[in-house]
Amino acid sequence: MKVTKGLHLRLGRFHLTISASRVFVYLLVLLMVAFTALPLIYVISTAFKPLDELLRFPPIFFVRNPTLDNFRDLLFATSSSSVPFLRYVMNSVFVAAVTVFLTILVSSIGAYSLVKLDLPFKGLIFNVIVATLMFPTTLATIPNYMVINSLGLMNTYMSLIIPKVAGAFGFFFVKQFCDQLPDALLEAARLDGASEWKIFSRIVFPFMKPACSTLVVFTFISSWNDSFAPLVYITDDAMRTLPLALQSIGSGATLARAGAMAAATFLSTVPTIIIYTIMQRRVIATMAYSGIK
């Protein structure tokens, strides 16, 4: 019988062992989590600060007298424009949602086709895709602009979506996960008469769900926070996204609009937190995945 040191607590079927080393590890992890969460806590706290607390020096970290006036000021800050603030939010939601959907579709189908189907020159194709990861994304700005302009997609939602859909990172990420899928399982499905699309939709895609969920988080955050592409491809104010609205509020903001800027920053941060909270289990499953059980 193995005897472990420390305090043993038994609550029904649950048995908990408390030792000095375990307490130290838990405290260390809690301190790291608290330190990492400080910027987020500050953003939330600042969004509800009244103007006198926002302008106080030295600044205070936590709000003392919470108020919703900053969100009212945000509506007034954009009321002078012909475009309501909600339109910027809906533009960002639409662009991010469509980008995520098409990225998952293209990356998963492309990875499956290149890994599990007998395609000519697939080794060369994969090497070319991986080679594009060596170049910074800003290097493709001019070629992307020329393609979007020649296709007549300037000042449209598709100009914000298409350049992000077939990213090399998403393809490479899903491809590495798809490599673990046994070929024997797919051959058995083909012998049973299943089509390639049925194999992909019933076997391959459910297997790749953890990787796709992680890619959802990365793609959504990248699209949601992107302020460069709308600045390049969009000229109509009604088509612009939330990051550009934040820039316009911040560039013309006076001290009286500091609360509006704080509220807008908080609203732009909330969706990324929600997406990660929903997907965190599958993200962790992706990192810990070790094959079919």
Protein backbone atom coordinates (compact mmCIF):
# COMPACT_ATOMS: atom_id res chain seq x y z
CA MET A 1 0.00 0.00 0.00
CA LYS A 2 1.43 3.38 -1.04
CA VAL A 3 1.38 6.07 1.63
CA THR A 4 1.60 9.67 0.56
CA LYS A 5 2.55 12.58 2.76
CA GLY A 6 0.23 15.45 3.48
CA LEU A 7 -3.28 16.05 4.73
CA HIS A 8 -5.90 13.62 3.45
CA LEU A 9 -9.53 14.71 3.11
CA ARG A 10 -12.35 12.41 2.06
CA LEU A 11 -15.70 13.83 0.96
CA GLY A 12 -17.89 10.92 -0.04
CA ARG A 13 -16.29 9.38 -3.13
CA PHE A 14 -13.80 12.20 -3.49
CA HIS A 15 -10.37 11.93 -1.92
CA LEU A 16 -8.15 15.01 -1.70
CA THR A 17 -4.52 15.03 -0.67
CA ILE A 18 -3.11 18.36 0.45
CA SER A 19 0.66 18.70 0.65
CA ALA A 20 3.02 21.63 0.94
CA SER A 21 4.32 21.16 -2.60
CA ARG A 22 0.82 21.00 -4.06
CA VAL A 23 -0.27 24.12 -2.18
CA PHE A 24 2.82 25.93 -3.46
CA VAL A 25 2.09 24.92 -7.05
CA TYR A 26 -1.55 26.02 -6.80
CA LEU A 27 -0.59 29.37 -5.29
CA LEU A 28 2.00 29.91 -8.01
CA VAL A 29 -0.55 29.11 -10.73
CA LEU A 30 -3.13 31.43 -9.15
CA LEU A 31 -0.59 34.25 -9.00
CA MET A 32 0.30 33.74 -12.66
CA VAL A 33 -3.38 33.71 -13.65
CA ALA A 34 -4.07 36.86 -11.66
CA PHE A 35 -1.07 38.63 -13.18
CA THR A 36 -2.11 37.60 -16.70
CA ALA A 37 -5.68 38.78 -16.12
CA LEU A 38 -4.65 42.25 -14.89
CA PRO A 39 -4.96 43.96 -18.32
CA LEU A 40 -8.42 42.48 -18.85
CA ILE A 41 -9.53 43.49 -15.37
CA TYR A 42 -8.25 47.01 -15.98
CA VAL A 43 -10.16 47.29 -19.28
CA ILE A 44 -13.40 46.18 -17.60
CA SER A 45 -12.84 48.48 -14.63
CA THR A 46 -12.01 51.48 -16.83
CA ALA A 47 -15.18 51.07 -18.91
CA PHE A 48 -17.32 51.75 -15.82
CA LYS A 49 -15.26 54.59 -14.32
CA PRO A 50 -16.81 58.05 -14.13
CA LEU A 51 -14.92 60.87 -15.81
CA ASP A 52 -13.29 62.15 -12.63
CA GLU A 53 -11.76 58.71 -11.98
CA LEU A 54 -10.62 58.39 -15.59
CA LEU A 55 -8.75 61.69 -15.41
CA ARG A 56 -7.35 61.21 -11.93
CA PHE A 57 -3.58 61.27 -11.50
CA PRO A 58 -2.05 59.04 -10.38
CA PRO A 59 -4.59 56.70 -11.99
CA ILE A 60 -6.53 54.22 -9.91
CA PHE A 61 -6.77 50.58 -10.97
CA PHE A 62 -10.24 49.59 -9.72
CA VAL A 63 -13.41 51.58 -10.24
CA ARG A 64 -14.87 53.10 -7.07
CA ASN A 65 -18.14 54.56 -8.32
CA PRO A 66 -19.33 52.44 -11.27
CA THR A 67 -21.41 54.17 -13.92
CA LEU A 68 -22.92 53.46 -17.34
CA ASP A 69 -22.41 57.01 -18.57
CA ASN A 70 -19.44 55.95 -20.71
CA PHE A 71 -21.66 53.75 -22.88
CA ARG A 72 -24.13 56.62 -23.29
CA ASP A 73 -21.25 58.91 -24.26
CA LEU A 74 -20.15 56.32 -26.82
CA LEU A 75 -23.50 56.62 -28.61
CA PHE A 76 -23.24 60.41 -28.51
CA ALA A 77 -19.67 60.26 -29.82
CA THR A 78 -20.87 58.52 -32.99
CA SER A 79 -24.23 60.29 -33.26
CA SER A 80 -22.68 63.12 -35.27
CA SER A 81 -21.74 60.60 -37.94
CA SER A 82 -24.19 59.28 -40.51
CA VAL A 83 -23.22 55.75 -39.48
CA PRO A 84 -24.48 54.49 -36.09
CA PHE A 85 -22.06 52.69 -33.81
CA LEU A 86 -24.11 49.49 -34.02
CA ARG A 87 -23.41 49.36 -37.77
CA TYR A 88 -19.66 49.11 -37.11
CA VAL A 89 -20.31 46.28 -34.67
CA MET A 90 -22.49 44.37 -37.13
CA ASN A 91 -19.89 44.82 -39.87
CA SER A 92 -17.24 43.30 -37.65
CA VAL A 93 -19.50 40.44 -36.60
CA PHE A 94 -20.44 39.60 -40.19
CA VAL A 95 -16.88 39.77 -41.53
CA ALA A 96 -15.46 37.73 -38.64
CA ALA A 97 -18.21 35.07 -38.81
CA VAL A 98 -17.93 34.55 -42.58
CA THR A 99 -14.13 34.54 -42.40
CA VAL A 100 -14.16 31.88 -39.69
CA PHE A 101 -16.66 29.69 -41.57
CA LEU A 102 -14.80 29.83 -44.89
CA THR A 103 -11.40 29.39 -43.24
CA ILE A 104 -12.52 26.22 -41.46
CA LEU A 105 -14.12 24.89 -44.65
CA VAL A 106 -11.15 25.60 -46.92
CA SER A 107 -8.47 24.54 -44.42
CA SER A 108 -10.16 21.26 -43.45
CA ILE A 109 -11.01 20.20 -47.01
CA GLY A 110 -7.59 21.24 -48.29
CA ALA A 111 -5.74 19.43 -45.52
CA TYR A 112 -7.77 16.25 -45.99
CA SER A 113 -7.30 16.31 -49.76
CA LEU A 114 -3.57 16.84 -49.56
CA VAL A 115 -2.94 14.30 -46.79
CA LYS A 116 -5.36 11.46 -47.49
CA LEU A 117 -6.04 11.62 -51.23
CA ASP A 118 -3.69 10.50 -53.96
CA LEU A 119 -3.00 13.86 -55.60
CA PRO A 120 -0.12 14.60 -57.99
CA PHE A 121 2.68 16.85 -56.69
CA LYS A 122 1.12 17.05 -53.24
CA GLY A 123 4.56 17.09 -51.63
CA LEU A 124 5.52 20.12 -53.71
CA ILE A 125 2.23 21.84 -52.97
CA PHE A 126 2.71 21.33 -49.24
CA ASN A 127 6.28 22.68 -49.38
CA VAL A 128 5.11 25.79 -51.22
CA ILE A 129 2.39 26.39 -48.63
CA VAL A 130 4.84 25.97 -45.76
CA ALA A 131 7.33 28.27 -47.50
CA THR A 132 4.79 31.10 -47.45
CA LEU A 133 4.94 31.03 -43.64
CA MET A 134 8.48 32.43 -43.84
CA PHE A 135 7.27 35.72 -45.32
CA PRO A 136 5.61 38.47 -43.26
CA THR A 137 1.97 39.16 -44.02
CA THR A 138 2.71 42.79 -44.87
CA LEU A 139 4.73 41.57 -47.85
CA ALA A 140 1.49 40.38 -49.50
CA THR A 141 -0.29 43.69 -49.06
CA ILE A 142 0.43 45.04 -52.55
CA PRO A 143 -0.30 41.73 -54.39
CA ASN A 144 -3.52 41.33 -52.41
CA TYR A 145 -4.54 44.88 -53.24
CA MET A 146 -3.89 44.32 -56.95
CA VAL A 147 -5.93 41.10 -56.94
CA ILE A 148 -8.84 42.62 -55.00
CA ASN A 149 -8.82 45.68 -57.26
CA SER A 150 -8.69 43.62 -60.48
CA LEU A 151 -11.62 41.49 -59.29
CA GLY A 152 -13.69 44.60 -58.62
CA LEU A 153 -14.07 43.79 -54.94
CA MET A 154 -12.88 47.09 -53.52
CA ASN A 155 -15.21 48.57 -50.93
CA THR A 156 -17.01 45.25 -50.35
CA TYR A 157 -17.12 42.76 -47.49
CA MET A 158 -15.39 40.16 -49.65
CA SER A 159 -12.26 42.32 -49.80
CA LEU A 160 -11.96 41.83 -46.03
CA ILE A 161 -12.73 38.11 -46.15
CA ILE A 162 -11.01 36.55 -49.16
CA PRO A 163 -7.38 37.44 -48.28
CA LYS A 164 -7.75 35.70 -44.90
CA VAL A 165 -9.59 32.54 -45.98
CA ALA A 166 -6.79 30.44 -47.50
CA GLY A 167 -4.12 31.23 -44.93
CA ALA A 168 -1.07 28.97 -44.77
CA PHE A 169 -1.20 28.80 -40.98
CA GLY A 170 -4.74 27.39 -40.88
CA PHE A 171 -3.96 24.83 -43.54
CA PHE A 172 -0.73 23.73 -41.86
CA PHE A 173 -2.37 23.58 -38.42
CA VAL A 174 -5.23 21.32 -39.55
CA LYS A 175 -2.94 19.24 -41.77
CA GLN A 176 -0.70 18.29 -38.86
CA PHE A 177 -3.78 17.12 -36.97
CA CYS A 178 -5.17 15.22 -39.96
CA ASP A 179 -1.93 13.22 -40.25
CA GLN A 180 -2.97 11.26 -37.15
CA LEU A 181 -6.12 9.88 -38.79
CA PRO A 182 -5.51 6.18 -39.65
CA ASP A 183 -5.66 5.34 -43.35
CA ALA A 184 -7.22 1.97 -42.51
CA LEU A 185 -10.32 3.71 -41.16
CA LEU A 186 -10.81 5.61 -44.41
CA GLU A 187 -10.18 2.52 -46.55
CA ALA A 188 -12.82 0.63 -44.57
CA ALA A 189 -15.32 3.40 -45.26
CA ARG A 190 -14.48 3.33 -48.99
CA LEU A 191 -14.96 -0.45 -49.08
CA ASP A 192 -18.40 0.07 -47.56
CA GLY A 193 -19.28 2.32 -50.49
CA ALA A 194 -18.99 5.72 -48.80
CA SER A 195 -18.22 8.67 -51.06
CA GLU A 196 -15.31 11.01 -50.36
CA TRP A 197 -17.66 13.76 -49.23
CA LYS A 198 -19.44 11.38 -46.86
CA ILE A 199 -16.10 10.18 -45.50
CA PHE A 200 -15.04 13.77 -44.92
CA SER A 201 -18.30 14.90 -43.31
CA ARG A 202 -18.94 11.78 -41.19
CA ILE A 203 -15.42 10.67 -40.22
CA VAL A 204 -12.72 13.21 -40.98
CA PHE A 205 -14.34 16.48 -39.91
CA PRO A 206 -15.61 15.16 -36.54
CA PHE A 207 -12.09 13.88 -35.92
CA MET A 208 -10.65 17.34 -36.67
CA LYS A 209 -13.12 19.27 -34.50
CA PRO A 210 -10.61 20.10 -31.73
CA ALA A 211 -8.13 21.52 -34.26
CA CYS A 212 -10.88 23.41 -36.07
CA SER A 213 -12.13 24.84 -32.78
CA THR A 214 -8.67 26.16 -32.02
CA LEU A 215 -8.48 27.61 -35.52
CA VAL A 216 -11.85 29.30 -34.90
CA VAL A 217 -10.35 31.17 -31.95
CA PHE A 218 -7.23 32.27 -33.85
CA THR A 219 -9.15 33.28 -36.98
CA PHE A 220 -11.87 35.17 -35.12
CA ILE A 221 -9.40 37.17 -33.05
CA SER A 222 -7.30 37.97 -36.11
CA SER A 223 -10.31 39.11 -38.14
CA TRP A 224 -12.05 40.94 -35.30
CA ASN A 225 -8.97 42.99 -34.37
CA ASP A 226 -7.83 43.71 -37.93
CA SER A 227 -7.79 47.43 -38.60
CA PHE A 228 -5.34 47.45 -41.52
CA ALA A 229 -7.44 45.65 -44.17
CA PRO A 230 -10.51 47.91 -43.75
CA LEU A 231 -8.23 50.93 -43.94
CA VAL A 232 -6.83 49.72 -47.28
CA TYR A 233 -9.87 48.21 -49.00
CA ILE A 234 -12.82 50.19 -47.59
CA THR A 235 -13.64 53.82 -48.32
CA ASP A 236 -17.34 53.89 -47.45
CA ASP A 237 -17.94 54.71 -43.78
CA ALA A 238 -20.93 52.37 -43.65
CA MET A 239 -18.70 49.40 -44.57
CA ARG A 240 -16.02 49.98 -41.97
CA THR A 241 -15.48 47.71 -38.99
CA LEU A 242 -15.19 48.29 -35.25
CA PRO A 243 -11.38 48.75 -35.03
CA LEU A 244 -11.61 51.69 -37.44
CA ALA A 245 -14.47 53.15 -35.39
CA LEU A 246 -12.24 52.96 -32.32
CA GLN A 247 -9.49 54.76 -34.20
CA SER A 248 -11.85 57.52 -35.31
CA ILE A 249 -13.16 57.98 -31.77
CA GLY A 250 -9.66 57.97 -30.33
CA SER A 251 -8.13 60.31 -32.92
CA GLY A 252 -10.73 63.00 -32.43
CA ALA A 253 -11.34 62.41 -28.76
CA THR A 254 -11.13 65.16 -26.17
CA LEU A 255 -10.80 64.53 -22.48
CA ALA A 256 -14.58 64.44 -22.28
CA ARG A 257 -14.64 61.51 -24.71
CA ALA A 258 -12.20 59.40 -22.67
CA GLY A 259 -15.13 57.47 -21.19
CA ALA A 260 -16.53 56.72 -24.65
CA MET A 261 -13.17 55.35 -25.73
CA ALA A 262 -12.99 53.17 -22.61
CA ALA A 263 -16.48 51.80 -23.26
CA ALA A 264 -15.70 51.10 -26.93
CA THR A 265 -12.52 49.25 -25.97
CA PHE A 266 -14.49 47.12 -23.53
CA LEU A 267 -17.15 46.27 -26.13
CA SER A 268 -14.50 45.29 -28.67
CA THR A 269 -12.85 42.96 -26.14
CA VAL A 270 -15.98 41.12 -24.97
CA PRO A 271 -16.56 38.99 -28.13
CA THR A 272 -13.03 37.56 -28.07
CA ILE A 273 -13.49 36.58 -24.43
CA ILE A 274 -16.81 34.89 -25.22
CA ILE A 275 -15.35 32.97 -28.17
CA TYR A 276 -12.41 31.69 -26.16
CA THR A 277 -14.61 30.77 -23.19
CA ILE A 278 -16.87 28.70 -25.45
CA MET A 279 -13.98 27.01 -27.26
CA GLN A 280 -11.50 26.59 -24.42
CA ARG A 281 -12.23 22.89 -23.83
CA ARG A 282 -11.55 21.99 -27.44
CA VAL A 283 -8.48 24.22 -27.50
CA ILE A 284 -7.06 22.31 -24.55
CA ALA A 285 -8.07 19.02 -26.22
CA THR A 286 -6.09 20.03 -29.29
CA MET A 287 -2.95 20.61 -27.26
CA ALA A 288 -3.34 17.37 -25.31
CA TYR A 289 -4.50 15.21 -28.21
CA SER A 290 -2.53 12.03 -28.72
CA GLY A 291 -4.50 10.01 -31.29
CA ILE A 292 -7.65 7.92 -31.43
CA LYS A 293 -8.61 6.27 -28.14
